[in-house]
Amino acid sequence: MKIGILSFAHLHAEAYIHNLRAIPDVEMIGIADEDPERGRHFADLFDAHLFPSYEALLAEQPDGVLVCSENSRHRPLVEMAAQAGVHVLCEKPLATTLPDAQAMIDACRDAGVILMTAFPMRFSAPLQQLKTQLDAGALGQVYCFNTTNQGQMPIAHRRWFVDKELAGGGAMMDHIVHLADILRWYLPGEVTSVYAQSNHILHADTVDVETGGLIMLTFADGTFASIDSSWSKPLNYPTWGGLTMELISERGLTVVDAFSQNLNVYRQEPPQHTWTYWGSDANQGMIEEFVAAIRDGRRPLVTGEDGYKALEITLAAYKSAASGQPVALT
């Protein structure tokens, strides 16, 4: 099976190329990037073939591509791949507007190709275990979730993350979608109301977009869920950030730290703090699911529609933060 990568704008592409190469029957045919300097840099870094254009990569008739461009540039690449009859795994958020997201879904449906949204947390071992317990009714009635998805200020990795035109927003656009998707996966109904507040206290002198957000979701059955989405981890934090969850239910409290399988070492001399993770590789599980869906001719476990719904919740959070009022979803 042949897979290529369209754009290295998103830092996740740096992990995905390793994930692809770890699958025995997958050939990572190369990369393409509209920024020639960026494309050459990463092609050299990862010893990958650099195609002169997106069209040239698609002309090789790969089975699938990973779209890792800036958020607002997903649509043209997804549509281009769909027109070429190529299956797509698109980085999150699926788009920055609902019309773009719907157009991507429509293009892939009409072309008969897969559109999968890159939500790796669906493939996190502790989060999957919690899903199993919820589906089995082992925790009883669910009352509420308190969740966090906090990260570092991303400009150290990619400056465009704080460009509203390219990213679609700031910390809320970056982080809400992960937990919105997980919560929809866990609970039987859809979100009916979104209330949010955002601020620009963190990194106020550095960027213009929001750097923190608190979101309250109400589901159709009355279940509450809160999301802390912020760029609140310091730049010397040993990893990009983290995702945590507390579930209050009829049978007690369940606490999940998706990245808790790690080793922290503190030294007197540099490097004073090192962090080593040995837990499940959620990215690997996600990439393997994309490959399996192509091979088996089936829908992936995470779809373009899932990406649309997570984006819908995120955009409602922006609307609520601007108005100071809850936003109803139907």
Protein backbone atom coordinates (compact mmCIF):
# COMPACT_ATOMS: atom_id res chain seq x y z
CA MET A 1 0.00 0.00 0.00
CA LYS A 2 1.32 3.43 -0.97
CA ILE A 3 0.78 6.46 1.30
CA GLY A 4 2.05 10.04 0.90
CA ILE A 5 1.99 13.18 3.02
CA LEU A 6 0.58 16.45 1.69
CA SER A 7 2.28 19.33 3.57
CA PHE A 8 4.51 19.39 6.61
CA ALA A 9 2.96 22.60 7.96
CA HIS A 10 1.62 20.73 10.99
CA LEU A 11 4.19 19.33 13.41
CA HIS A 12 2.18 16.11 13.72
CA ALA A 13 3.48 15.15 10.27
CA GLU A 14 6.87 14.62 11.89
CA ALA A 15 5.39 11.80 13.98
CA TYR A 16 3.14 10.39 11.27
CA ILE A 17 6.03 9.69 8.90
CA HIS A 18 7.54 7.38 11.53
CA ASN A 19 4.14 5.76 12.13
CA LEU A 20 3.76 5.00 8.42
CA ARG A 21 7.23 3.50 8.18
CA ALA A 22 6.50 1.23 11.14
CA ILE A 23 3.78 -0.62 9.19
CA PRO A 24 5.38 -3.49 7.22
CA ASP A 25 3.16 -3.45 4.13
CA VAL A 26 3.02 0.35 3.73
CA GLU A 27 5.33 2.29 1.43
CA MET A 28 5.69 5.94 2.42
CA ILE A 29 6.18 7.23 -1.12
CA GLY A 30 7.19 10.77 -0.17
CA ILE A 31 6.02 14.23 0.71
CA ALA A 32 4.91 17.39 -1.05
CA ASP A 33 4.74 20.91 0.32
CA GLU A 34 3.75 24.25 -1.18
CA ASP A 35 6.62 25.83 0.77
CA PRO A 36 9.72 24.57 -1.10
CA GLU A 37 12.10 25.43 1.74
CA ARG A 38 9.97 23.63 4.31
CA GLY A 39 9.50 20.66 2.02
CA ARG A 40 13.22 20.31 1.35
CA HIS A 41 14.05 20.64 5.05
CA PHE A 42 11.75 17.80 6.10
CA ALA A 43 12.55 15.63 3.09
CA ASP A 44 16.22 15.82 4.04
CA LEU A 45 15.50 15.38 7.75
CA PHE A 46 13.48 12.20 7.19
CA ASP A 47 15.28 10.94 4.08
CA ALA A 48 12.04 11.13 2.11
CA HIS A 49 11.38 11.76 -1.56
CA LEU A 50 10.17 15.33 -2.18
CA PHE A 51 7.64 15.71 -4.97
CA PRO A 52 7.67 19.05 -6.80
CA SER A 53 3.94 19.59 -6.23
CA TYR A 54 0.85 18.07 -4.65
CA GLU A 55 -0.33 17.13 -8.12
CA ALA A 56 2.90 15.25 -8.78
CA LEU A 57 2.49 13.18 -5.62
CA LEU A 58 -1.13 12.36 -6.44
CA ALA A 59 -0.10 11.40 -9.99
CA GLU A 60 1.78 8.48 -8.41
CA GLN A 61 -1.66 7.05 -7.57
CA PRO A 62 -1.14 6.46 -3.85
CA ASP A 63 -3.79 4.54 -1.97
CA GLY A 64 -4.01 7.27 0.65
CA VAL A 65 -2.60 10.59 1.78
CA LEU A 66 -2.23 12.40 5.07
CA VAL A 67 -3.19 16.09 4.87
CA CYS A 68 -1.10 18.07 7.36
CA SER A 69 -1.38 21.63 6.07
CA GLU A 70 -2.44 24.70 8.00
CA ASN A 71 -6.03 24.30 9.25
CA SER A 72 -7.66 26.70 6.78
CA ARG A 73 -5.88 25.03 3.85
CA HIS A 74 -7.25 21.53 4.42
CA ARG A 75 -10.19 21.81 2.02
CA PRO A 76 -8.34 22.28 -1.30
CA LEU A 77 -5.94 19.42 -0.53
CA VAL A 78 -8.74 17.07 0.52
CA GLU A 79 -10.75 17.93 -2.59
CA MET A 80 -7.68 17.45 -4.78
CA ALA A 81 -7.05 14.02 -3.29
CA ALA A 82 -10.71 13.03 -3.62
CA GLN A 83 -10.73 14.02 -7.29
CA ALA A 84 -7.71 11.77 -7.76
CA GLY A 85 -9.54 8.87 -6.11
CA VAL A 86 -7.22 8.84 -3.09
CA HIS A 87 -8.30 8.12 0.49
CA VAL A 88 -7.63 10.90 3.03
CA LEU A 89 -6.63 11.18 6.67
CA CYS A 90 -6.97 14.88 7.48
CA GLU A 91 -5.34 16.59 10.45
CA LYS A 92 -7.59 18.12 13.08
CA PRO A 93 -9.51 20.38 13.17
CA LEU A 94 -11.12 19.14 9.98
CA ALA A 95 -11.54 22.74 8.80
CA THR A 96 -12.03 26.23 10.21
CA THR A 97 -15.58 26.70 8.91
CA LEU A 98 -18.55 24.35 8.72
CA PRO A 99 -19.10 24.96 4.97
CA ASP A 100 -15.51 23.90 4.28
CA ALA A 101 -15.89 20.81 6.45
CA GLN A 102 -19.13 19.83 4.71
CA ALA A 103 -17.59 20.37 1.28
CA MET A 104 -14.74 18.02 2.20
CA ILE A 105 -17.19 15.37 3.40
CA ASP A 106 -19.24 15.74 0.22
CA ALA A 107 -16.19 15.57 -2.06
CA CYS A 108 -14.94 12.35 -0.49
CA ARG A 109 -18.40 10.77 -0.41
CA ASP A 110 -19.01 11.60 -4.08
CA ALA A 111 -15.60 10.21 -5.04
CA GLY A 112 -16.13 7.05 -3.01
CA VAL A 113 -13.03 7.59 -0.88
CA ILE A 114 -12.47 7.59 2.87
CA LEU A 115 -12.27 10.82 4.83
CA MET A 116 -10.89 10.17 8.31
CA THR A 117 -10.28 12.92 10.87
CA ALA A 118 -7.02 12.75 12.82
CA PHE A 119 -8.27 12.24 16.36
CA PRO A 120 -5.51 10.06 17.85
CA MET A 121 -6.98 10.14 21.36
CA ARG A 122 -9.58 7.63 20.15
CA PHE A 123 -6.65 5.19 20.08
CA SER A 124 -5.23 5.98 23.53
CA ALA A 125 -5.22 2.78 25.62
CA PRO A 126 -6.61 4.32 28.86
CA LEU A 127 -9.30 6.24 26.98
CA GLN A 128 -10.27 3.08 25.09
CA GLN A 129 -10.48 1.19 28.38
CA LEU A 130 -12.83 3.81 29.79
CA LYS A 131 -14.98 3.50 26.65
CA THR A 132 -15.18 -0.27 27.23
CA GLN A 133 -16.31 0.24 30.83
CA LEU A 134 -18.91 2.82 29.84
CA ASP A 135 -20.34 0.60 27.10
CA ALA A 136 -20.55 -2.31 29.55
CA GLY A 137 -22.42 -0.17 32.09
CA ALA A 138 -19.72 -0.88 34.67
CA LEU A 139 -19.74 2.69 36.02
CA GLY A 140 -23.49 3.12 36.28
CA GLN A 141 -25.19 6.37 35.36
CA VAL A 142 -22.82 9.09 34.15
CA TYR A 143 -23.27 12.46 35.85
CA CYS A 144 -20.50 14.68 34.51
CA PHE A 145 -17.00 14.92 33.04
CA ASN A 146 -14.26 17.38 33.97
CA THR A 147 -11.56 17.38 31.30
CA THR A 148 -8.40 19.24 30.33
CA ASN A 149 -6.36 19.51 27.16
CA GLN A 150 -3.50 21.87 27.93
CA GLY A 151 -0.41 22.50 25.85
CA GLN A 152 2.59 24.70 25.39
CA MET A 153 2.45 27.92 23.42
CA PRO A 154 2.91 26.42 19.92
CA ILE A 155 4.93 29.20 18.29
CA ALA A 156 8.12 27.39 19.28
CA HIS A 157 7.06 24.68 16.79
CA ARG A 158 4.98 26.46 14.13
CA ARG A 159 4.19 30.18 14.07
CA TRP A 160 1.00 29.76 12.03
CA PHE A 161 -0.81 28.25 15.05
CA VAL A 162 -1.34 31.81 16.33
CA ASP A 163 -2.40 33.22 12.95
CA LYS A 164 -6.20 33.39 13.08
CA GLU A 165 -6.57 33.22 9.30
CA LEU A 166 -4.53 30.03 9.02
CA ALA A 167 -5.41 28.34 12.32
CA GLY A 168 -9.01 29.51 12.71
CA GLY A 169 -8.39 30.68 16.28
CA GLY A 170 -6.09 30.05 19.20
CA ALA A 171 -6.02 27.58 22.08
CA MET A 172 -9.72 26.72 21.79
CA MET A 173 -9.45 25.77 18.12
CA ASP A 174 -6.30 23.82 18.90
CA HIS A 175 -7.61 21.78 21.82
CA ILE A 176 -11.43 21.63 22.11
CA VAL A 177 -11.89 19.24 19.19
CA HIS A 178 -9.99 16.37 20.84
CA LEU A 179 -12.19 16.25 23.92
CA ALA A 180 -15.37 17.17 22.07
CA ASP A 181 -14.81 14.07 19.96
CA ILE A 182 -13.98 11.80 22.92
CA LEU A 183 -17.04 12.98 24.85
CA ARG A 184 -19.33 12.41 21.85
CA TRP A 185 -17.79 8.93 21.53
CA TYR A 186 -18.48 8.16 25.17
CA LEU A 187 -22.02 9.49 25.51
CA PRO A 188 -25.13 8.29 23.65
CA GLY A 189 -26.57 11.66 22.66
CA GLU A 190 -25.30 14.81 21.01
CA VAL A 191 -24.31 18.13 22.55
CA THR A 192 -27.32 20.43 22.81
CA SER A 193 -25.77 23.49 24.47
CA VAL A 194 -22.32 25.09 24.61
CA TYR A 195 -21.27 27.81 27.05
CA ALA A 196 -17.73 29.17 26.97
CA GLN A 197 -15.46 31.89 28.24
CA SER A 198 -12.04 32.70 26.82
CA ASN A 199 -9.24 35.06 27.68
CA HIS A 200 -5.87 36.32 26.58
CA ILE A 201 -4.10 36.53 29.93
CA LEU A 202 -1.46 33.91 29.15
CA HIS A 203 1.16 35.15 26.66
CA ALA A 204 -0.70 38.46 26.35
CA ASP A 205 2.36 40.25 24.98
CA THR A 206 3.19 37.50 22.49
CA VAL A 207 0.07 36.65 20.46
CA ASP A 208 -3.31 38.13 19.53
CA VAL A 209 -5.48 35.00 19.69
CA GLU A 210 -7.08 33.53 22.82
CA THR A 211 -4.71 31.46 24.93
CA GLY A 212 -7.22 29.99 27.37
CA GLY A 213 -10.79 28.79 27.31
CA LEU A 214 -13.26 27.11 29.66
CA ILE A 215 -16.16 25.32 28.00
CA MET A 216 -19.29 23.72 29.44
CA LEU A 217 -21.17 21.22 27.29
CA THR A 218 -24.67 19.93 27.96
CA PHE A 219 -25.67 16.67 26.28
CA ALA A 220 -29.17 15.63 25.25
CA ASP A 221 -29.63 13.48 28.37
CA GLY A 222 -28.59 16.34 30.67
CA THR A 223 -25.01 15.17 31.27
CA PHE A 224 -22.53 18.00 31.82
CA ALA A 225 -18.93 18.11 30.61
CA SER A 226 -16.31 20.80 31.13
CA ILE A 227 -13.22 21.34 28.97
CA ASP A 228 -10.15 23.39 29.94
CA SER A 229 -8.45 24.18 26.63
CA SER A 230 -5.37 26.32 27.13
CA TRP A 231 -1.77 26.96 26.20
CA SER A 232 -0.85 26.90 29.87
CA LYS A 233 2.13 24.55 29.95
CA PRO A 234 5.50 26.37 30.27
CA LEU A 235 7.94 26.17 27.38
CA ASN A 236 10.33 24.13 29.53
CA TYR A 237 7.63 21.52 30.18
CA PRO A 238 9.10 18.15 29.14
CA THR A 239 6.42 17.36 26.57
CA TRP A 240 3.89 19.31 24.50
CA GLY A 241 1.17 19.10 27.17
CA GLY A 242 -1.42 16.56 28.19
CA LEU A 243 -5.01 15.35 28.34
CA THR A 244 -6.82 14.42 31.54
CA MET A 245 -10.35 13.41 32.44
CA GLU A 246 -12.41 12.95 35.59
CA LEU A 247 -15.72 11.12 35.30
CA ILE A 248 -18.24 11.36 38.12
CA SER A 249 -20.72 8.52 37.91
CA GLU A 250 -23.17 6.50 39.95
CA ARG A 251 -20.44 4.09 41.08
CA GLY A 252 -17.71 6.57 41.91
CA LEU A 253 -14.94 8.69 40.44
CA THR A 254 -12.84 7.65 37.45
CA VAL A 255 -9.61 9.55 36.75
CA VAL A 256 -7.69 9.24 33.48
CA ASP A 257 -4.35 10.75 32.49
CA ALA A 258 -3.79 9.83 28.86
CA PHE A 259 -0.02 10.30 29.15
CA SER A 260 0.63 8.98 32.66
CA GLN A 261 2.92 6.12 31.60
CA ASN A 262 6.13 8.09 31.78
CA LEU A 263 9.44 8.40 33.57
CA ASN A 264 10.51 11.76 35.00
CA VAL A 265 14.19 12.22 35.86
CA TYR A 266 15.46 15.30 37.73
CA ARG A 267 19.18 16.09 37.74
CA GLN A 268 21.49 18.71 39.23
CA GLU A 269 23.26 19.13 35.88
CA PRO A 270 21.76 19.72 32.41
CA PRO A 271 19.46 18.38 31.22
CA GLN A 272 17.90 18.95 34.60
CA HIS A 273 14.61 17.29 33.70
CA THR A 274 13.95 14.55 31.17
CA TRP A 275 10.62 12.93 30.39
CA THR A 276 10.35 9.50 28.77
CA TYR A 277 7.01 8.07 27.65
CA TRP A 278 6.47 4.33 27.15
CA GLY A 279 2.69 4.11 27.00
CA SER A 280 0.50 3.34 24.01
CA ASP A 281 1.25 5.28 20.83
CA ALA A 282 -2.13 6.74 19.95
CA ASN A 283 -0.78 8.11 16.66
CA GLN A 284 0.32 4.63 15.62
CA GLY A 285 -3.10 3.21 16.35
CA MET A 286 -4.74 5.97 14.33
CA ILE A 287 -2.48 5.51 11.30
CA GLU A 288 -2.96 1.74 11.43
CA GLU A 289 -6.74 2.24 11.51
CA PHE A 290 -6.54 4.44 8.39
CA VAL A 291 -4.50 1.78 6.59
CA ALA A 292 -6.85 -1.00 7.74
CA ALA A 293 -9.94 0.92 6.58
CA ILE A 294 -8.40 1.35 3.12
CA ARG A 295 -7.40 -2.32 2.96
CA ASP A 296 -10.78 -3.59 4.18
CA GLY A 297 -12.87 -1.16 2.15
CA ARG A 298 -14.79 0.11 5.17
CA ARG A 299 -15.49 3.29 7.09
CA PRO A 300 -12.79 4.19 9.61
CA LEU A 301 -13.58 4.31 13.31
CA VAL A 302 -13.26 8.10 13.14
CA THR A 303 -14.94 9.81 10.20
CA GLY A 304 -15.19 13.17 8.52
CA GLU A 305 -18.60 13.54 10.13
CA ASP A 306 -16.95 13.18 13.55
CA GLY A 307 -14.59 15.97 12.59
CA TYR A 308 -17.55 18.11 11.52
CA LYS A 309 -19.36 17.64 14.84
CA ALA A 310 -16.25 18.45 16.87
CA LEU A 311 -15.73 21.60 14.80
CA GLU A 312 -19.39 22.55 15.25
CA ILE A 313 -18.95 22.39 19.04
CA THR A 314 -15.72 24.40 18.86
CA LEU A 315 -17.25 27.16 16.73
CA ALA A 316 -20.23 27.29 19.10
CA ALA A 317 -17.75 27.84 21.94
CA TYR A 318 -16.29 30.83 20.11
CA LYS A 319 -19.78 32.22 19.54
CA SER A 320 -20.67 31.77 23.21
CA ALA A 321 -17.44 33.37 24.41
CA ALA A 322 -18.13 36.39 22.19
CA SER A 323 -21.77 36.80 23.27
CA GLY A 324 -21.52 35.70 26.89
CA GLN A 325 -24.53 33.44 26.34
CA PRO A 326 -25.00 29.68 25.86
CA VAL A 327 -25.32 28.55 22.25
CA ALA A 328 -27.91 25.91 21.40
CA LEU A 329 -27.06 23.13 18.96
CA THR A 330 -29.71 21.14 17.14
